Amino acid sequence: MIEATLADIRKPEVLYRYDDEIVHIVDGRKKVEVGFFVPTSMAQAFQAFIDSVEKSKKNALLQRIAKAQKNDPIEEGGVADGIV
């Protein structure tokens, strides 16, 4: 992965060199991450990777929710929320 600044990306001659690698874009003045540039040749594989990361995050969140619900049972006299 190559790291480039926004100023580098604005130059067409530099941008066309990045046709086979993912570029990590940072703001040169503020030193903050802006995002990534993914060439079309790698877009499908990169999207599959992003989808798998998001799925694992959602799965971890659902596991946390399930564990919290298990640790907080409905007591006598409590009102159920309708989830069985």
PDB file of N, CA and C in Angstrom:
ATOM      1  N   MET A   1       0.847  -1.167   0.000  1.00  0.00           N
ATOM      2  CA  MET A   1       0.000   0.000   0.000  1.00  0.00           C
ATOM      3  C   MET A   1       0.895   1.233   0.000  1.00  0.00           C
ATOM      4  N   ILE A   2       0.538   2.172  -0.822  1.00  0.00           N
ATOM      5  CA  ILE A   2       1.281   3.421  -0.951  1.00  0.00           C
ATOM      6  C   ILE A   2       0.564   4.491  -0.139  1.00  0.00           C
ATOM      7  N   GLU A   3       1.318   5.407   0.444  1.00  0.00           N
ATOM      8  CA  GLU A   3       0.725   6.539   1.145  1.00  0.00           C
ATOM      9  C   GLU A   3       0.964   7.785   0.309  1.00  0.00           C
ATOM     10  N   ALA A   4      -0.095   8.573   0.094  1.00  0.00           N
ATOM     11  CA  ALA A   4       0.004   9.782  -0.710  1.00  0.00           C
ATOM     12  C   ALA A   4      -0.806  10.886  -0.043  1.00  0.00           C
ATOM     13  N   THR A   5      -0.453  12.118  -0.371  1.00  0.00           N
ATOM     14  CA  THR A   5      -1.184  13.263   0.162  1.00  0.00           C
ATOM     15  C   THR A   5      -2.254  13.686  -0.837  1.00  0.00           C
ATOM     16  N   LEU A   6      -3.149  14.541  -0.395  1.00  0.00           N
ATOM     17  CA  LEU A   6      -4.181  15.053  -1.289  1.00  0.00           C
ATOM     18  C   LEU A   6      -3.570  15.813  -2.455  1.00  0.00           C
ATOM     19  N   ALA A   7      -2.484  16.525  -2.203  1.00  0.00           N
ATOM     20  CA  ALA A   7      -1.815  17.267  -3.272  1.00  0.00           C
ATOM     21  C   ALA A   7      -1.284  16.320  -4.341  1.00  0.00           C
ATOM     22  N   ASP A   8      -0.772  15.168  -3.933  1.00  0.00           N
ATOM     23  CA  ASP A   8      -0.292  14.182  -4.906  1.00  0.00           C
ATOM     24  C   ASP A   8      -1.435  13.656  -5.762  1.00  0.00           C
ATOM     25  N   ILE A   9      -2.565  13.399  -5.153  1.00  0.00           N
ATOM     26  CA  ILE A   9      -3.703  12.826  -5.866  1.00  0.00           C
ATOM     27  C   ILE A   9      -4.289  13.820  -6.863  1.00  0.00           C
ATOM     28  N   ARG A  10      -4.151  15.101  -6.608  1.00  0.00           N
ATOM     29  CA  ARG A  10      -4.702  16.106  -7.518  1.00  0.00           C
ATOM     30  C   ARG A  10      -3.940  16.176  -8.840  1.00  0.00           C
ATOM     31  N   LYS A  11      -2.715  15.682  -8.872  1.00  0.00           N
ATOM     32  CA  LYS A  11      -1.913  15.710 -10.099  1.00  0.00           C
ATOM     33  C   LYS A  11      -2.251  14.483 -10.943  1.00  0.00           C
ATOM     34  N   PRO A  12      -2.771  14.670 -12.159  1.00  0.00           N
ATOM     35  CA  PRO A  12      -3.169  13.517 -12.980  1.00  0.00           C
ATOM     36  C   PRO A  12      -2.015  12.575 -13.308  1.00  0.00           C
ATOM     37  N   GLU A  13      -0.827  13.115 -13.561  1.00  0.00           N
ATOM     38  CA  GLU A  13       0.296  12.249 -13.923  1.00  0.00           C
ATOM     39  C   GLU A  13       0.699  11.338 -12.767  1.00  0.00           C
ATOM     40  N   VAL A  14       0.502  11.795 -11.539  1.00  0.00           N
ATOM     41  CA  VAL A  14       0.806  10.964 -10.375  1.00  0.00           C
ATOM     42  C   VAL A  14      -0.323   9.961 -10.135  1.00  0.00           C
ATOM     43  N   LEU A  15      -1.554  10.412 -10.305  1.00  0.00           N
ATOM     44  CA  LEU A  15      -2.710   9.552 -10.057  1.00  0.00           C
ATOM     45  C   LEU A  15      -2.721   8.344 -10.988  1.00  0.00           C
ATOM     46  N   TYR A  16      -2.332   8.527 -12.240  1.00  0.00           N
ATOM     47  CA  TYR A  16      -2.356   7.417 -13.201  1.00  0.00           C
ATOM     48  C   TYR A  16      -1.288   6.372 -12.918  1.00  0.00           C
ATOM     49  N   ARG A  17      -0.297   6.687 -12.109  1.00  0.00           N
ATOM     50  CA  ARG A  17       0.708   5.689 -11.729  1.00  0.00           C
ATOM     51  C   ARG A  17       0.138   4.666 -10.757  1.00  0.00           C
ATOM     52  N   TYR A  18      -0.911   5.036 -10.042  1.00  0.00           N
ATOM     53  CA  TYR A  18      -1.489   4.159  -9.026  1.00  0.00           C
ATOM     54  C   TYR A  18      -2.601   3.302  -9.627  1.00  0.00           C
ATOM     55  N   ASP A  19      -2.277   2.478 -10.608  1.00  0.00           N
ATOM     56  CA  ASP A  19      -3.304   1.654 -11.232  1.00  0.00           C
ATOM     57  C   ASP A  19      -3.275   0.206 -10.756  1.00  0.00           C
ATOM     58  N   ASP A  20      -2.285  -0.157  -9.935  1.00  0.00           N
ATOM     59  CA  ASP A  20      -2.196  -1.542  -9.479  1.00  0.00           C
ATOM     60  C   ASP A  20      -1.980  -1.666  -7.975  1.00  0.00           C
ATOM     61  N   GLU A  21      -2.121  -0.554  -7.241  1.00  0.00           N
ATOM     62  CA  GLU A  21      -1.946  -0.594  -5.787  1.00  0.00           C
ATOM     63  C   GLU A  21      -2.995   0.271  -5.108  1.00  0.00           C
ATOM     64  N   ILE A  22      -3.323  -0.099  -3.887  1.00  0.00           N
ATOM     65  CA  ILE A  22      -4.244   0.701  -3.082  1.00  0.00           C
ATOM     66  C   ILE A  22      -3.449   1.840  -2.463  1.00  0.00           C
ATOM     67  N   VAL A  23      -4.019   3.041  -2.518  1.00  0.00           N
ATOM     68  CA  VAL A  23      -3.330   4.228  -2.018  1.00  0.00           C
ATOM     69  C   VAL A  23      -4.033   4.723  -0.759  1.00  0.00           C
ATOM     70  N   HIS A  24      -3.271   4.890   0.307  1.00  0.00           N
ATOM     71  CA  HIS A  24      -3.771   5.455   1.566  1.00  0.00           C
ATOM     72  C   HIS A  24      -3.604   6.961   1.453  1.00  0.00           C
ATOM     73  N   ILE A  25      -4.708   7.701   1.474  1.00  0.00           N
ATOM     74  CA  ILE A  25      -4.673   9.147   1.268  1.00  0.00           C
ATOM     75  C   ILE A  25      -4.722   9.856   2.614  1.00  0.00           C
ATOM     76  N   VAL A  26      -3.777  10.782   2.824  1.00  0.00           N
ATOM     77  CA  VAL A  26      -3.731  11.592   4.042  1.00  0.00           C
ATOM     78  C   VAL A  26      -3.706  13.061   3.660  1.00  0.00           C
ATOM     79  N   ASP A  27      -4.232  13.889   4.540  1.00  0.00           N
ATOM     80  CA  ASP A  27      -4.162  15.335   4.354  1.00  0.00           C
ATOM     81  C   ASP A  27      -2.791  15.776   4.841  1.00  0.00           C
ATOM     82  N   GLY A  28      -1.970  16.298   3.950  1.00  0.00           N
ATOM     83  CA  GLY A  28      -0.595  16.647   4.275  1.00  0.00           C
ATOM     84  C   GLY A  28      -0.460  17.733   5.323  1.00  0.00           C
ATOM     85  N   ARG A  29      -1.372  18.682   5.330  1.00  0.00           N
ATOM     86  CA  ARG A  29      -1.270  19.778   6.294  1.00  0.00           C
ATOM     87  C   ARG A  29      -1.784  19.385   7.674  1.00  0.00           C
ATOM     88  N   LYS A  30      -2.910  18.705   7.704  1.00  0.00           N
ATOM     89  CA  LYS A  30      -3.519  18.363   8.991  1.00  0.00           C
ATOM     90  C   LYS A  30      -3.034  17.030   9.544  1.00  0.00           C
ATOM     91  N   LYS A  31      -2.359  16.237   8.717  1.00  0.00           N
ATOM     92  CA  LYS A  31      -1.847  14.917   9.119  1.00  0.00           C
ATOM     93  C   LYS A  31      -2.971  13.993   9.600  1.00  0.00           C
ATOM     94  N   VAL A  32      -4.098  14.034   8.899  1.00  0.00           N
ATOM     95  CA  VAL A  32      -5.214  13.159   9.220  1.00  0.00           C
ATOM     96  C   VAL A  32      -5.528  12.270   8.018  1.00  0.00           C
ATOM     97  N   GLU A  33      -6.086  11.108   8.306  1.00  0.00           N
ATOM     98  CA  GLU A  33      -6.445  10.172   7.247  1.00  0.00           C
ATOM     99  C   GLU A  33      -7.684  10.653   6.514  1.00  0.00           C
ATOM    100  N   VAL A  34      -7.643  10.602   5.189  1.00  0.00           N
ATOM    101  CA  VAL A  34      -8.786  10.989   4.377  1.00  0.00           C
ATOM    102  C   VAL A  34      -9.532   9.750   3.891  1.00  0.00           C
ATOM    103  N   GLY A  35      -8.787   8.747   3.468  1.00  0.00           N
ATOM    104  CA  GLY A  35      -9.427   7.529   2.984  1.00  0.00           C
ATOM    105  C   GLY A  35      -8.480   6.722   2.119  1.00  0.00           C
ATOM    106  N   PHE A  36      -9.061   5.942   1.220  1.00  0.00           N
ATOM    107  CA  PHE A  36      -8.287   5.066   0.356  1.00  0.00           C
ATOM    108  C   PHE A  36      -8.712   5.260  -1.088  1.00  0.00           C
ATOM    109  N   PHE A  37      -7.772   5.100  -2.005  1.00  0.00           N
ATOM    110  CA  PHE A  37      -8.048   5.069  -3.437  1.00  0.00           C
ATOM    111  C   PHE A  37      -7.835   3.638  -3.888  1.00  0.00           C
ATOM    112  N   VAL A  38      -8.890   3.028  -4.427  1.00  0.00           N
ATOM    113  CA  VAL A  38      -8.817   1.641  -4.869  1.00  0.00           C
ATOM    114  C   VAL A  38      -9.011   1.611  -6.382  1.00  0.00           C
ATOM    115  N   PRO A  39      -8.019   1.121  -7.131  1.00  0.00           N
ATOM    116  CA  PRO A  39      -8.169   1.018  -8.587  1.00  0.00           C
ATOM    117  C   PRO A  39      -9.303   0.063  -8.955  1.00  0.00           C
ATOM    118  N   THR A  40      -9.908   0.270 -10.110  1.00  0.00           N
ATOM    119  CA  THR A  40     -11.035  -0.566 -10.526  1.00  0.00           C
ATOM    120  C   THR A  40     -10.635  -2.025 -10.678  1.00  0.00           C
ATOM    121  N   SER A  41      -9.378  -2.284 -10.995  1.00  0.00           N
ATOM    122  CA  SER A  41      -8.936  -3.671 -11.141  1.00  0.00           C
ATOM    123  C   SER A  41      -8.953  -4.423  -9.814  1.00  0.00           C
ATOM    124  N   MET A  42      -8.897  -3.697  -8.702  1.00  0.00           N
ATOM    125  CA  MET A  42      -8.877  -4.322  -7.381  1.00  0.00           C
ATOM    126  C   MET A  42     -10.169  -4.080  -6.603  1.00  0.00           C
ATOM    127  N   ALA A  43     -11.113  -3.380  -7.194  1.00  0.00           N
ATOM    128  CA  ALA A  43     -12.310  -2.957  -6.466  1.00  0.00           C
ATOM    129  C   ALA A  43     -13.140  -4.127  -5.965  1.00  0.00           C
ATOM    130  N   GLN A  44     -13.312  -5.154  -6.783  1.00  0.00           N
ATOM    131  CA  GLN A  44     -14.158  -6.277  -6.381  1.00  0.00           C
ATOM    132  C   GLN A  44     -13.559  -7.031  -5.193  1.00  0.00           C
ATOM    133  N   ALA A  45     -12.261  -7.284  -5.235  1.00  0.00           N
ATOM    134  CA  ALA A  45     -11.608  -7.984  -4.124  1.00  0.00           C
ATOM    135  C   ALA A  45     -11.609  -7.127  -2.861  1.00  0.00           C
ATOM    136  N   PHE A  46     -11.399  -5.813  -3.014  1.00  0.00           N
ATOM    137  CA  PHE A  46     -11.385  -4.915  -1.866  1.00  0.00           C
ATOM    138  C   PHE A  46     -12.775  -4.828  -1.245  1.00  0.00           C
ATOM    139  N   GLN A  47     -13.818  -4.802  -2.088  1.00  0.00           N
ATOM    140  CA  GLN A  47     -15.183  -4.743  -1.569  1.00  0.00           C
ATOM    141  C   GLN A  47     -15.521  -6.008  -0.789  1.00  0.00           C
ATOM    142  N   ALA A  48     -15.044  -7.156  -1.267  1.00  0.00           N
ATOM    143  CA  ALA A  48     -15.270  -8.409  -0.540  1.00  0.00           C
ATOM    144  C   ALA A  48     -14.588  -8.369   0.823  1.00  0.00           C
ATOM    145  N   PHE A  49     -13.387  -7.798   0.876  1.00  0.00           N
ATOM    146  CA  PHE A  49     -12.672  -7.658   2.149  1.00  0.00           C
ATOM    147  C   PHE A  49     -13.435  -6.740   3.100  1.00  0.00           C
ATOM    148  N   ILE A  50     -13.895  -5.602   2.600  1.00  0.00           N
ATOM    149  CA  ILE A  50     -14.646  -4.647   3.427  1.00  0.00           C
ATOM    150  C   ILE A  50     -15.933  -5.300   3.941  1.00  0.00           C
ATOM    151  N   ASP A  51     -16.616  -6.053   3.081  1.00  0.00           N
ATOM    152  CA  ASP A  51     -17.845  -6.732   3.502  1.00  0.00           C
ATOM    153  C   ASP A  51     -17.576  -7.739   4.615  1.00  0.00           C
ATOM    154  N   SER A  52     -16.471  -8.473   4.519  1.00  0.00           N
ATOM    155  CA  SER A  52     -16.155  -9.453   5.564  1.00  0.00           C
ATOM    156  C   SER A  52     -15.818  -8.772   6.887  1.00  0.00           C
ATOM    157  N   VAL A  53     -15.142  -7.628   6.822  1.00  0.00           N
ATOM    158  CA  VAL A  53     -14.832  -6.882   8.048  1.00  0.00           C
ATOM    159  C   VAL A  53     -16.115  -6.370   8.693  1.00  0.00           C
ATOM    160  N   GLU A  54     -17.014  -5.808   7.883  1.00  0.00           N
ATOM    161  CA  GLU A  54     -18.278  -5.304   8.425  1.00  0.00           C
ATOM    162  C   GLU A  54     -19.120  -6.433   9.013  1.00  0.00           C
ATOM    163  N   LYS A  55     -19.121  -7.595   8.357  1.00  0.00           N
ATOM    164  CA  LYS A  55     -19.883  -8.738   8.860  1.00  0.00           C
ATOM    165  C   LYS A  55     -19.337  -9.207  10.204  1.00  0.00           C
ATOM    166  N   SER A  56     -18.015  -9.221  10.357  1.00  0.00           N
ATOM    167  CA  SER A  56     -17.437  -9.643  11.634  1.00  0.00           C
ATOM    168  C   SER A  56     -17.735  -8.625  12.742  1.00  0.00           C
ATOM    169  N   LYS A  57     -17.762  -7.330  12.399  1.00  0.00           N
ATOM    170  CA  LYS A  57     -18.122  -6.312  13.394  1.00  0.00           C
ATOM    171  C   LYS A  57     -19.571  -6.485  13.842  1.00  0.00           C
ATOM    172  N   LYS A  58     -20.472  -6.721  12.879  1.00  0.00           N
ATOM    173  CA  LYS A  58     -21.882  -6.920  13.222  1.00  0.00           C
ATOM    174  C   LYS A  58     -22.058  -8.173  14.068  1.00  0.00           C
ATOM    175  N   ASN A  59     -21.325  -9.227  13.729  1.00  0.00           N
ATOM    176  CA  ASN A  59     -21.410 -10.474  14.481  1.00  0.00           C
ATOM    177  C   ASN A  59     -20.939 -10.269  15.920  1.00  0.00           C
ATOM    178  N   ALA A  60     -19.850  -9.521  16.095  1.00  0.00           N
ATOM    179  CA  ALA A  60     -19.346  -9.242  17.442  1.00  0.00           C
ATOM    180  C   ALA A  60     -20.362  -8.432  18.246  1.00  0.00           C
ATOM    181  N   LEU A  61     -21.014  -7.468  17.601  1.00  0.00           N
ATOM    182  CA  LEU A  61     -22.027  -6.666  18.285  1.00  0.00           C
ATOM    183  C   LEU A  61     -23.224  -7.527  18.684  1.00  0.00           C
ATOM    184  N   LEU A  62     -23.660  -8.404  17.788  1.00  0.00           N
ATOM    185  CA  LEU A  62     -24.778  -9.288  18.121  1.00  0.00           C
ATOM    186  C   LEU A  62     -24.421 -10.245  19.253  1.00  0.00           C
ATOM    187  N   GLN A  63     -23.174 -10.700  19.298  1.00  0.00           N
ATOM    188  CA  GLN A  63     -22.732 -11.561  20.401  1.00  0.00           C
ATOM    189  C   GLN A  63     -22.778 -10.805  21.726  1.00  0.00           C
ATOM    190  N   ARG A  64     -22.357  -9.522  21.694  1.00  0.00           N
ATOM    191  CA  ARG A  64     -22.424  -8.697  22.910  1.00  0.00           C
ATOM    192  C   ARG A  64     -23.860  -8.526  23.375  1.00  0.00           C
ATOM    193  N   ILE A  65     -24.762  -8.276  22.422  1.00  0.00           N
ATOM    194  CA  ILE A  65     -26.172  -8.084  22.761  1.00  0.00           C
ATOM    195  C   ILE A  65     -26.752  -9.358  23.355  1.00  0.00           C
ATOM    196  N   ALA A  66     -26.437 -10.498  22.740  1.00  0.00           N
ATOM    197  CA  ALA A  66     -26.949 -11.776  23.241  1.00  0.00           C
ATOM    198  C   ALA A  66     -26.433 -12.062  24.645  1.00  0.00           C
ATOM    199  N   LYS A  67     -25.167 -11.762  24.888  1.00  0.00           N
ATOM    200  CA  LYS A  67     -24.587 -11.994  26.216  1.00  0.00           C
ATOM    201  C   LYS A  67     -25.237 -11.077  27.256  1.00  0.00           C
ATOM    202  N   ALA A  68     -25.493  -9.814  26.876  1.00  0.00           N
ATOM    203  CA  ALA A  68     -26.125  -8.876  27.806  1.00  0.00           C
ATOM    204  C   ALA A  68     -27.547  -9.311  28.131  1.00  0.00           C
ATOM    205  N   GLN A  69     -28.279  -9.792  27.130  1.00  0.00           N
ATOM    206  CA  GLN A  69     -29.641 -10.254  27.386  1.00  0.00           C
ATOM    207  C   GLN A  69     -29.648 -11.502  28.257  1.00  0.00           C
ATOM    208  N   LYS A  70     -28.664 -12.357  28.078  1.00  0.00           N
ATOM    209  CA  LYS A  70     -28.579 -13.572  28.887  1.00  0.00           C
ATOM    210  C   LYS A  70     -28.294 -13.226  30.347  1.00  0.00           C
ATOM    211  N   ASN A  71     -27.483 -12.205  30.579  1.00  0.00           N
ATOM    212  CA  ASN A  71     -27.125 -11.804  31.940  1.00  0.00           C
ATOM    213  C   ASN A  71     -28.209 -10.978  32.623  1.00  0.00           C
ATOM    214  N   ASP A  72     -29.230 -10.542  31.879  1.00  0.00           N
ATOM    215  CA  ASP A  72     -30.289  -9.709  32.442  1.00  0.00           C
ATOM    216  C   ASP A  72     -31.650 -10.365  32.192  1.00  0.00           C
ATOM    217  N   PRO A  73     -31.957 -11.462  32.882  1.00  0.00           N
ATOM    218  CA  PRO A  73     -33.232 -12.150  32.658  1.00  0.00           C
ATOM    219  C   PRO A  73     -34.396 -11.335  33.218  1.00  0.00           C
ATOM    220  N   ILE A  74     -35.579 -11.648  32.729  1.00  0.00           N
ATOM    221  CA  ILE A  74     -36.786 -10.984  33.223  1.00  0.00           C
ATOM    222  C   ILE A  74     -37.130 -11.581  34.583  1.00  0.00           C
ATOM    223  N   GLU A  75     -37.270 -10.707  35.577  1.00  0.00           N
ATOM    224  CA  GLU A  75     -37.561 -11.175  36.930  1.00  0.00           C
ATOM    225  C   GLU A  75     -39.063 -11.291  37.146  1.00  0.00           C
ATOM    226  N   GLU A  76     -39.427 -11.857  38.282  1.00  0.00           N
ATOM    227  CA  GLU A  76     -40.831 -12.009  38.655  1.00  0.00           C
ATOM    228  C   GLU A  76     -41.469 -10.631  38.723  1.00  0.00           C
ATOM    229  N   GLY A  77     -42.580 -10.461  38.039  1.00  0.00           N
ATOM    230  CA  GLY A  77     -43.265  -9.177  38.041  1.00  0.00           C
ATOM    231  C   GLY A  77     -42.752  -8.235  36.968  1.00  0.00           C
ATOM    232  N   GLY A  78     -41.728  -8.645  36.244  1.00  0.00           N
ATOM    233  CA  GLY A  78     -41.192  -7.804  35.176  1.00  0.00           C
ATOM    234  C   GLY A  78     -42.055  -7.897  33.929  1.00  0.00           C
ATOM    235  N   VAL A  79     -41.869  -6.981  33.037  1.00  0.00           N
ATOM    236  CA  VAL A  79     -42.630  -6.951  31.796  1.00  0.00           C
ATOM    237  C   VAL A  79     -41.715  -7.395  30.666  1.00  0.00           C
ATOM    238  N   ALA A  80     -42.152  -8.372  29.904  1.00  0.00           N
ATOM    239  CA  ALA A  80     -41.355  -8.867  28.782  1.00  0.00           C
ATOM    240  C   ALA A  80     -41.451  -7.903  27.604  1.00  0.00           C
ATOM    241  N   ASP A  81     -40.449  -7.934  26.770  1.00  0.00           N
ATOM    242  CA  ASP A  81     -40.452  -7.068  25.597  1.00  0.00           C
ATOM    243  C   ASP A  81     -41.003  -7.772  24.364  1.00  0.00           C
ATOM    244  N   GLY A  82     -41.463  -9.012  24.509  1.00  0.00           N
ATOM    245  CA  GLY A  82     -42.065  -9.735  23.400  1.00  0.00           C
ATOM    246  C   GLY A  82     -41.090 -10.557  22.597  1.00  0.00           C
ATOM    247  N   ILE A  83     -39.813 -10.492  22.924  1.00  0.00           N
ATOM    248  CA  ILE A  83     -38.812 -11.275  22.212  1.00  0.00           C
ATOM    249  C   ILE A  83     -38.717 -12.635  22.881  1.00  0.00           C
ATOM    250  N   VAL A  84     -38.853 -13.668  22.096  1.00  0.00           N
ATOM    251  CA  VAL A  84     -38.809 -15.026  22.652  1.00  0.00           C
ATOM    252  C   VAL A  84     -37.503 -15.678  22.279  1.00  0.00           C
TER     253      VAL A  84
END
